[in-house]
Amino acid sequence: MAGTELFGAEEKKEVMDVLETGILFRYNHDDQRKNIWKAKTFEQEFAKYLGSKHAHFCSSGTAADAISLAVSGIGVGDEVIVPPYTFVAPIEAVLMAGGVPVFADIDETLCLSPEAIEKAITPKTKAVLLIQVFGSMGLMDEIVEVCKKHNLKLIEDAAPALGGSYKGKMLGTFGDVSAFSFDFYKIITAGEGGAVAMNSDELFEKAHMYADHGHDHIGNNRGAEQHPILGFNFRGSELHAAVALAQLRKLPYIIEQQRKNQAALKEVLGEFDEIRLREVPDPEGDSATFLSFFLPDATKARSVFDAIQAQGIGSAYWYQNNFHYHRQWEHLKKLKSIYPLPLTAVDNVPDYENLSLPATDAIMERLVMIQIMVNWSDEKVKELQAKLRTALQSALNK
């Protein structure tokens, strides 16, 4: 992914700033840290980048999902509508909150379908956890309207589409609260790390307290701080924030390069009538982390994927992926846990073992993705265009 391509002097400088003070903790120690505040600086710059009033740096994207659910008031037995096509972390966060994940179909945006969301709503539904998948966005106008109509919290996990936008508004600013990840495989990386963003002062106060054992962060004496609420330890360190800060400043360049390189490969796809691109509600807002497209059927999709792989082009056939699609989630289907989940104490648990989403399966089995890299040279792009053309001609017998 993009962030790992660009480690350099900037990340080293930010990390050394922290190491030279010896203060790796993100709070307090004002005199010793010599005005070095990497987490606070990241939060300020990240909020400005998003156009959001608040941002809070935390320990991971999963922590960001957990914080988002907590500040939204999600607890035991509350149903949260989720997609079956996502990394499993947001689902784990719902389970940890005591909530009930309710799966709904995606559409050809690869995000939750507004119609499927509406069909999945019950009297116990409290929120929609929307994942902005691999660079692009769902049908935002319709999804926001469904949530407003039914008085549901919209939690937006924009980690896979950081830098994307819809009608000029950054992804991650449509929900009541949004979550981001900066793990090793994300668009920008801190190795580990995450963030939540929101415009509400009330939600921000809850977020920063909840993420740090309920501390109110008033004053410069941690032992004297009050604890208005219970919380957990989802703090991000100054070291992780330092790397994230350097990477954030590279994000505009990352998006620019990804879009240029994606456009070049997209030209090749346009030569083949059997290929149809993913639905992108606002093409100008695609952050272009991947190039996603559909084949007429599963057989041709698998054939194209195999041919692309044989050419050494980084690609994915998510229908058979172990981590990002519900078909392989045996641990979830059987609720395999080392402790009794809160879910087992409520009476509205779906039958995960027999989860059937044929509309989603029909989309996923035709989907192929190509990963877009930042550091491709012009010569490399031309080489990839030729290899992609060869692969598609072979697989489609053209």
Protein backbone atom coordinates (compact mmCIF):
# COMPACT_ATOMS: atom_id res chain seq x y z
CA MET A 1 0.00 0.00 0.00
CA ALA A 2 0.94 3.61 -0.49
CA GLY A 3 2.33 4.59 2.89
CA THR A 4 4.90 1.82 3.02
CA GLU A 5 6.31 2.98 -0.33
CA LEU A 6 7.27 6.38 1.01
CA PHE A 7 9.18 5.95 4.27
CA GLY A 8 12.06 8.39 4.38
CA ALA A 9 13.78 11.25 6.12
CA GLU A 10 10.50 12.90 7.09
CA GLU A 11 9.35 9.97 9.23
CA LYS A 12 12.81 9.63 10.81
CA LYS A 13 12.85 13.32 11.72
CA GLU A 14 9.44 13.20 13.41
CA VAL A 15 10.34 10.06 15.37
CA MET A 16 13.69 11.48 16.47
CA ASP A 17 11.92 14.59 17.77
CA VAL A 18 10.10 12.30 20.18
CA LEU A 19 13.04 10.11 21.12
CA GLU A 20 15.18 13.13 21.92
CA THR A 21 12.65 14.32 24.49
CA GLY A 22 12.21 10.84 25.97
CA ILE A 23 8.45 11.44 26.28
CA LEU A 24 6.64 8.74 24.33
CA PHE A 25 3.36 9.27 26.19
CA ARG A 26 0.91 11.57 24.43
CA TYR A 27 -0.29 13.43 27.54
CA ASN A 28 1.32 15.67 30.19
CA HIS A 29 5.07 16.05 30.94
CA ASP A 30 4.90 19.55 29.44
CA ASP A 31 8.29 20.76 30.70
CA GLN A 32 10.23 17.71 29.53
CA ARG A 33 8.74 17.40 26.06
CA LYS A 34 10.04 20.80 24.83
CA ASN A 35 6.75 21.60 23.12
CA ILE A 36 6.87 18.39 21.05
CA TRP A 37 3.28 17.17 20.73
CA LYS A 38 3.02 14.74 17.82
CA ALA A 39 -0.45 13.33 18.57
CA LYS A 40 -1.94 16.79 19.10
CA THR A 41 -0.27 18.13 15.97
CA PHE A 42 -1.49 15.18 13.93
CA GLU A 43 -5.02 15.68 15.21
CA GLN A 44 -4.99 19.34 14.23
CA GLU A 45 -3.63 18.69 10.75
CA PHE A 46 -5.84 15.67 10.16
CA ALA A 47 -9.01 17.53 11.15
CA LYS A 48 -8.02 20.37 8.83
CA TYR A 49 -7.36 17.94 5.97
CA LEU A 50 -10.78 16.33 6.41
CA GLY A 51 -12.63 19.57 7.01
CA SER A 52 -13.80 18.17 10.34
CA LYS A 53 -13.99 20.10 13.60
CA HIS A 54 -12.34 17.39 15.70
CA ALA A 55 -10.00 14.42 15.32
CA HIS A 56 -8.56 12.13 17.95
CA PHE A 57 -5.55 9.86 17.41
CA CYS A 58 -5.84 6.34 18.84
CA SER A 59 -4.07 2.99 18.85
CA SER A 60 -5.61 1.29 15.81
CA GLY A 61 -8.42 1.34 13.29
CA THR A 62 -10.21 -1.30 15.33
CA ALA A 63 -9.93 0.99 18.36
CA ALA A 64 -11.33 3.80 16.22
CA ASP A 65 -14.34 1.64 15.34
CA ALA A 66 -14.80 0.75 19.01
CA ILE A 67 -14.62 4.40 20.08
CA SER A 68 -17.07 5.38 17.34
CA LEU A 69 -19.57 2.79 18.50
CA ALA A 70 -19.17 3.76 22.16
CA VAL A 71 -19.69 7.49 21.63
CA SER A 72 -22.73 6.61 19.49
CA GLY A 73 -24.23 4.85 22.48
CA ILE A 74 -24.10 1.32 21.06
CA GLY A 75 -24.38 -1.34 23.75
CA VAL A 76 -25.70 -4.79 24.56
CA GLY A 77 -28.35 -6.00 22.14
CA ASP A 78 -28.25 -2.94 19.88
CA GLU A 79 -28.28 -3.89 16.23
CA VAL A 80 -25.72 -2.37 13.90
CA ILE A 81 -26.10 -2.85 10.14
CA VAL A 82 -22.79 -3.90 8.60
CA PRO A 83 -21.52 -5.05 5.20
CA PRO A 84 -20.33 -8.60 4.48
CA TYR A 85 -17.45 -7.24 2.39
CA THR A 86 -14.92 -5.61 4.72
CA PHE A 87 -11.98 -6.56 6.83
CA VAL A 88 -13.47 -8.26 9.89
CA ALA A 89 -12.26 -5.58 12.37
CA PRO A 90 -15.42 -3.39 12.32
CA ILE A 91 -17.51 -6.50 12.99
CA GLU A 92 -15.25 -7.39 15.92
CA ALA A 93 -15.73 -3.87 17.29
CA VAL A 94 -19.52 -4.30 17.23
CA LEU A 95 -19.18 -7.58 19.10
CA MET A 96 -16.89 -6.00 21.68
CA ALA A 97 -19.46 -3.25 22.27
CA GLY A 98 -22.06 -5.91 22.97
CA GLY A 99 -23.89 -4.99 19.79
CA VAL A 100 -25.41 -7.33 17.22
CA PRO A 101 -23.92 -7.19 13.71
CA VAL A 102 -26.70 -7.41 11.13
CA PHE A 103 -25.43 -8.03 7.63
CA ALA A 104 -27.00 -6.33 4.63
CA ASP A 105 -26.22 -6.58 0.93
CA ILE A 106 -23.81 -4.37 -0.95
CA ASP A 107 -24.42 -2.90 -4.40
CA GLU A 108 -22.02 -2.33 -7.29
CA THR A 109 -20.38 0.55 -5.43
CA LEU A 110 -19.10 -2.33 -3.24
CA CYS A 111 -20.52 -0.50 -0.22
CA LEU A 112 -23.78 -1.07 1.65
CA SER A 113 -26.84 -0.72 -0.54
CA PRO A 114 -29.31 1.94 0.69
CA GLU A 115 -32.22 -0.36 -0.14
CA ALA A 116 -30.60 -3.25 1.73
CA ILE A 117 -30.00 -1.03 4.76
CA GLU A 118 -33.69 -0.14 4.83
CA LYS A 119 -34.74 -3.79 4.58
CA ALA A 120 -32.45 -4.76 7.48
CA ILE A 121 -33.84 -2.19 9.93
CA THR A 122 -35.75 -3.51 12.97
CA PRO A 123 -36.94 -1.80 16.17
CA LYS A 124 -33.56 -2.71 17.70
CA THR A 125 -31.45 -1.11 14.97
CA LYS A 126 -29.39 1.78 16.35
CA ALA A 127 -26.68 2.43 13.77
CA VAL A 128 -25.29 1.81 10.31
CA LEU A 129 -21.56 1.08 10.10
CA LEU A 130 -20.66 2.05 6.56
CA ILE A 131 -17.29 0.96 5.16
CA GLN A 132 -16.01 3.13 2.30
CA VAL A 133 -14.39 0.34 0.33
CA PHE A 134 -10.98 0.52 -1.34
CA GLY A 135 -10.78 4.10 -2.49
CA SER A 136 -14.36 4.94 -3.31
CA MET A 137 -17.71 5.61 -1.74
CA GLY A 138 -21.25 4.31 -1.40
CA LEU A 139 -24.39 6.09 -2.57
CA MET A 140 -23.95 8.76 0.06
CA ASP A 141 -27.03 10.91 -0.54
CA GLU A 142 -29.32 7.90 -0.29
CA ILE A 143 -27.52 6.32 2.69
CA VAL A 144 -27.55 9.56 4.68
CA GLU A 145 -31.25 9.98 3.89
CA VAL A 146 -32.10 6.44 5.10
CA CYS A 147 -30.28 7.08 8.38
CA LYS A 148 -32.06 10.39 8.89
CA LYS A 149 -35.44 8.87 8.05
CA HIS A 150 -35.04 6.13 10.66
CA ASN A 151 -33.10 8.18 13.23
CA LEU A 152 -30.04 5.93 12.99
CA LYS A 153 -26.48 6.85 13.82
CA LEU A 154 -24.23 6.77 10.76
CA ILE A 155 -20.75 5.56 11.63
CA GLU A 156 -18.42 5.92 8.68
CA ASP A 157 -15.32 3.75 8.50
CA ALA A 158 -13.35 5.55 5.80
CA ALA A 159 -10.04 3.80 6.46
CA PRO A 160 -9.91 2.08 3.03
CA ALA A 161 -10.75 5.31 1.19
CA LEU A 162 -8.72 7.96 3.00
CA GLY A 163 -8.26 10.95 0.71
CA GLY A 164 -11.44 10.24 -1.23
CA SER A 165 -14.34 12.65 -1.48
CA TYR A 166 -17.94 12.89 -2.64
CA LYS A 167 -19.17 16.10 -4.26
CA GLY A 168 -16.22 17.96 -2.76
CA LYS A 169 -16.80 16.69 0.79
CA MET A 170 -14.17 14.37 2.23
CA LEU A 171 -15.09 10.77 2.97
CA GLY A 172 -15.14 10.40 6.71
CA THR A 173 -17.22 13.54 7.23
CA PHE A 174 -20.69 12.23 6.34
CA GLY A 175 -21.37 10.27 9.50
CA ASP A 176 -21.99 11.32 13.08
CA VAL A 177 -18.50 9.97 13.73
CA SER A 178 -15.92 8.33 11.50
CA ALA A 179 -13.04 5.90 11.94
CA PHE A 180 -9.67 5.61 10.21
CA SER A 181 -6.79 3.15 10.34
CA PHE A 182 -3.07 3.74 9.83
CA ASP A 183 -1.87 0.16 10.11
CA PHE A 184 0.89 -1.23 7.92
CA TYR A 185 -1.37 -1.86 4.93
CA LYS A 186 -3.22 1.44 4.75
CA ILE A 187 -2.96 4.48 2.48
CA ILE A 188 -0.86 6.20 5.11
CA THR A 189 0.70 4.09 7.83
CA ALA A 190 2.11 4.49 11.31
CA GLY A 191 2.72 0.76 11.64
CA GLU A 192 -0.25 0.81 13.98
CA GLY A 193 -2.63 3.64 14.72
CA GLY A 194 -6.05 5.06 14.03
CA ALA A 195 -8.23 8.11 14.44
CA VAL A 196 -11.81 9.17 14.93
CA ALA A 197 -13.25 12.38 13.53
CA MET A 198 -16.44 14.29 14.22
CA ASN A 199 -17.95 17.77 14.26
CA SER A 200 -19.80 17.37 17.55
CA ASP A 201 -18.12 18.83 20.64
CA GLU A 202 -20.09 16.40 22.80
CA LEU A 203 -18.93 13.33 20.88
CA PHE A 204 -15.33 14.55 20.88
CA GLU A 205 -15.36 14.95 24.67
CA LYS A 206 -16.68 11.42 25.02
CA ALA A 207 -14.12 10.07 22.53
CA HIS A 208 -10.93 11.40 24.10
CA MET A 209 -12.07 10.40 27.58
CA TYR A 210 -13.30 6.94 26.58
CA ALA A 211 -10.03 6.22 24.76
CA ASP A 212 -8.01 6.91 27.93
CA HIS A 213 -9.69 5.18 30.89
CA GLY A 214 -12.20 8.04 31.28
CA HIS A 215 -9.60 10.74 32.01
CA ASP A 216 -10.93 14.26 31.46
CA HIS A 217 -7.46 15.60 30.44
CA ILE A 218 -7.89 18.83 32.37
CA GLY A 219 -4.70 20.29 33.81
CA ASN A 220 -1.15 18.97 33.76
CA ASN A 221 -1.26 16.52 36.63
CA ARG A 222 -2.50 13.16 35.45
CA GLY A 223 -2.99 11.90 38.98
CA ALA A 224 -5.33 14.81 39.74
CA GLU A 225 -7.51 14.36 36.67
CA GLN A 226 -11.13 13.38 37.09
CA HIS A 227 -12.81 10.38 35.48
CA PRO A 228 -16.32 11.40 34.41
CA ILE A 229 -16.89 8.09 32.58
CA LEU A 230 -15.52 4.57 32.39
CA GLY A 231 -13.22 3.90 29.46
CA PHE A 232 -10.51 1.70 28.04
CA ASN A 233 -6.94 2.15 26.88
CA PHE A 234 -7.09 2.98 23.17
CA ARG A 235 -4.32 5.58 23.35
CA GLY A 236 -1.92 6.08 20.49
CA SER A 237 1.72 6.76 21.35
CA GLU A 238 3.79 9.77 20.35
CA LEU A 239 6.00 7.49 18.24
CA HIS A 240 3.10 6.20 16.15
CA ALA A 241 1.66 9.70 15.88
CA ALA A 242 5.04 11.00 14.69
CA VAL A 243 5.11 8.55 11.78
CA ALA A 244 1.46 9.25 10.98
CA LEU A 245 2.15 12.98 10.92
CA ALA A 246 4.94 12.65 8.36
CA GLN A 247 2.78 10.36 6.26
CA LEU A 248 -0.24 12.68 6.42
CA ARG A 249 1.82 15.47 4.88
CA LYS A 250 2.51 13.13 1.92
CA LEU A 251 -1.14 12.22 1.40
CA PRO A 252 -1.93 14.77 -1.35
CA TYR A 253 1.00 13.43 -3.39
CA ILE A 254 -0.11 9.84 -2.75
CA ILE A 255 -3.62 10.54 -4.03
CA GLU A 256 -2.33 12.42 -7.07
CA GLN A 257 -0.03 9.57 -8.09
CA GLN A 258 -2.60 6.87 -7.46
CA ARG A 259 -5.15 8.65 -9.63
CA LYS A 260 -2.65 9.08 -12.46
CA ASN A 261 -1.57 5.45 -12.37
CA GLN A 262 -5.10 4.13 -12.03
CA ALA A 263 -6.20 6.17 -15.07
CA ALA A 264 -3.45 4.59 -17.18
CA LEU A 265 -4.58 1.04 -16.39
CA LYS A 266 -8.21 2.00 -16.77
CA GLU A 267 -7.45 2.87 -20.41
CA VAL A 268 -6.58 -0.77 -21.05
CA LEU A 269 -9.79 -2.03 -19.47
CA GLY A 270 -11.72 0.24 -21.84
CA GLU A 271 -10.50 -1.87 -24.76
CA PHE A 272 -12.55 -4.88 -23.61
CA ASP A 273 -16.34 -4.90 -24.00
CA GLU A 274 -16.82 -7.66 -21.42
CA ILE A 275 -15.35 -5.52 -18.64
CA ARG A 276 -17.44 -3.07 -16.64
CA LEU A 277 -15.95 -0.75 -14.06
CA ARG A 278 -17.11 -0.54 -10.46
CA GLU A 279 -19.84 2.03 -9.86
CA VAL A 280 -18.18 5.15 -8.43
CA PRO A 281 -20.82 7.76 -7.47
CA ASP A 282 -18.27 10.57 -7.82
CA PRO A 283 -15.35 9.52 -10.06
CA GLU A 284 -13.41 12.68 -9.22
CA GLY A 285 -13.44 11.68 -5.57
CA ASP A 286 -11.97 8.20 -6.00
CA SER A 287 -8.72 8.01 -4.03
CA ALA A 288 -7.68 5.28 -6.50
CA THR A 289 -6.08 2.78 -4.15
CA PHE A 290 -7.36 -0.01 -6.38
CA LEU A 291 -8.85 -0.41 -9.85
CA SER A 292 -12.03 -2.47 -9.47
CA PHE A 293 -13.99 -4.03 -12.31
CA PHE A 294 -16.56 -6.70 -13.12
CA LEU A 295 -16.61 -9.59 -15.56
CA PRO A 296 -19.83 -11.10 -16.95
CA ASP A 297 -19.64 -14.19 -14.71
CA ALA A 298 -17.59 -15.93 -12.05
CA THR A 299 -15.77 -18.20 -14.48
CA LYS A 300 -14.43 -15.30 -16.52
CA ALA A 301 -13.59 -13.32 -13.38
CA ARG A 302 -11.51 -16.18 -12.04
CA SER A 303 -9.84 -16.67 -15.42
CA VAL A 304 -8.96 -12.96 -15.63
CA PHE A 305 -7.63 -12.95 -12.08
CA ASP A 306 -5.42 -15.97 -12.77
CA ALA A 307 -4.11 -14.39 -15.98
CA ILE A 308 -3.33 -11.10 -14.26
CA GLN A 309 -1.57 -12.92 -11.43
CA ALA A 310 0.48 -14.88 -13.98
CA GLN A 311 1.73 -11.54 -15.37
CA GLY A 312 2.96 -10.55 -11.90
CA ILE A 313 0.40 -7.77 -11.44
CA GLY A 314 -0.82 -7.30 -7.85
CA SER A 315 -4.51 -8.18 -7.83
CA ALA A 316 -7.29 -9.63 -5.71
CA TYR A 317 -10.30 -11.90 -6.11
CA TRP A 318 -12.06 -11.08 -2.85
CA TYR A 319 -14.82 -13.67 -3.24
CA GLN A 320 -12.33 -16.29 -2.07
CA ASN A 321 -10.35 -14.09 0.33
CA ASN A 322 -9.85 -15.31 3.91
CA PHE A 323 -10.09 -11.93 5.61
CA HIS A 324 -12.39 -9.58 3.70
CA TYR A 325 -15.51 -11.55 2.87
CA HIS A 326 -18.04 -13.28 5.10
CA ARG A 327 -17.87 -16.65 3.32
CA GLN A 328 -14.58 -17.47 5.05
CA TRP A 329 -15.42 -16.15 8.51
CA GLU A 330 -15.89 -19.48 10.26
CA HIS A 331 -14.82 -17.96 13.59
CA LEU A 332 -17.67 -15.46 13.35
CA LYS A 333 -20.23 -17.93 12.04
CA LYS A 334 -19.62 -20.21 15.00
CA LEU A 335 -18.90 -17.32 17.42
CA LYS A 336 -15.60 -18.88 18.42
CA SER A 337 -14.42 -16.81 21.37
CA ILE A 338 -12.17 -17.41 24.35
CA TYR A 339 -14.77 -15.76 26.59
CA PRO A 340 -18.58 -15.56 26.59
CA LEU A 341 -19.55 -12.77 24.20
CA PRO A 342 -22.28 -10.33 25.31
CA LEU A 343 -24.02 -11.40 22.11
CA THR A 344 -24.80 -14.78 23.68
CA ALA A 345 -26.97 -13.09 26.33
CA VAL A 346 -29.48 -11.51 23.94
CA ASP A 347 -32.31 -13.00 21.92
CA ASN A 348 -31.88 -11.16 18.62
CA VAL A 349 -28.77 -12.89 17.27
CA PRO A 350 -28.93 -13.66 13.54
CA ASP A 351 -28.11 -17.12 12.24
CA TYR A 352 -24.56 -16.36 11.15
CA GLU A 353 -23.82 -19.99 10.25
CA ASN A 354 -26.46 -19.87 7.54
CA LEU A 355 -25.93 -16.28 6.47
CA SER A 356 -27.15 -15.98 2.89
CA LEU A 357 -26.54 -12.90 0.78
CA PRO A 358 -27.05 -14.04 -2.81
CA ALA A 359 -27.18 -10.50 -4.23
CA THR A 360 -23.79 -9.75 -2.70
CA ASP A 361 -22.37 -13.08 -3.83
CA ALA A 362 -23.49 -12.34 -7.39
CA ILE A 363 -21.51 -9.09 -7.27
CA MET A 364 -18.44 -10.42 -5.51
CA GLU A 365 -17.93 -13.49 -7.67
CA ARG A 366 -17.59 -11.22 -10.73
CA LEU A 367 -15.23 -8.71 -9.08
CA VAL A 368 -11.51 -8.38 -9.74
CA MET A 369 -9.22 -5.67 -8.34
CA ILE A 370 -5.77 -4.43 -9.27
CA GLN A 371 -3.67 -2.70 -6.64
CA ILE A 372 -2.39 0.76 -7.58
CA MET A 373 1.07 1.78 -6.40
CA VAL A 374 2.47 5.28 -5.93
CA ASN A 375 6.05 4.81 -7.01
CA TRP A 376 5.47 3.32 -10.43
CA SER A 377 7.65 5.07 -13.00
CA ASP A 378 6.25 6.01 -16.41
CA GLU A 379 8.17 3.05 -17.85
CA LYS A 380 6.69 0.72 -15.23
CA VAL A 381 3.18 1.93 -16.04
CA LYS A 382 3.71 1.24 -19.75
CA GLU A 383 5.01 -2.22 -18.90
CA LEU A 384 1.98 -2.91 -16.71
CA GLN A 385 -0.38 -1.70 -19.43
CA ALA A 386 1.17 -4.18 -21.85
CA LYS A 387 1.06 -7.03 -19.34
CA LEU A 388 -2.55 -6.26 -18.41
CA ARG A 389 -3.57 -6.19 -22.07
CA THR A 390 -1.87 -9.54 -22.65
CA ALA A 391 -3.56 -11.07 -19.61
CA LEU A 392 -7.02 -9.87 -20.62
CA GLN A 393 -6.58 -11.00 -24.23
CA SER A 394 -5.54 -14.43 -23.00
CA ALA A 395 -8.32 -14.80 -20.47
CA LEU A 396 -11.08 -13.42 -22.69
CA ASN A 397 -9.81 -15.05 -25.91
CA LYS A 398 -9.73 -11.76 -27.72
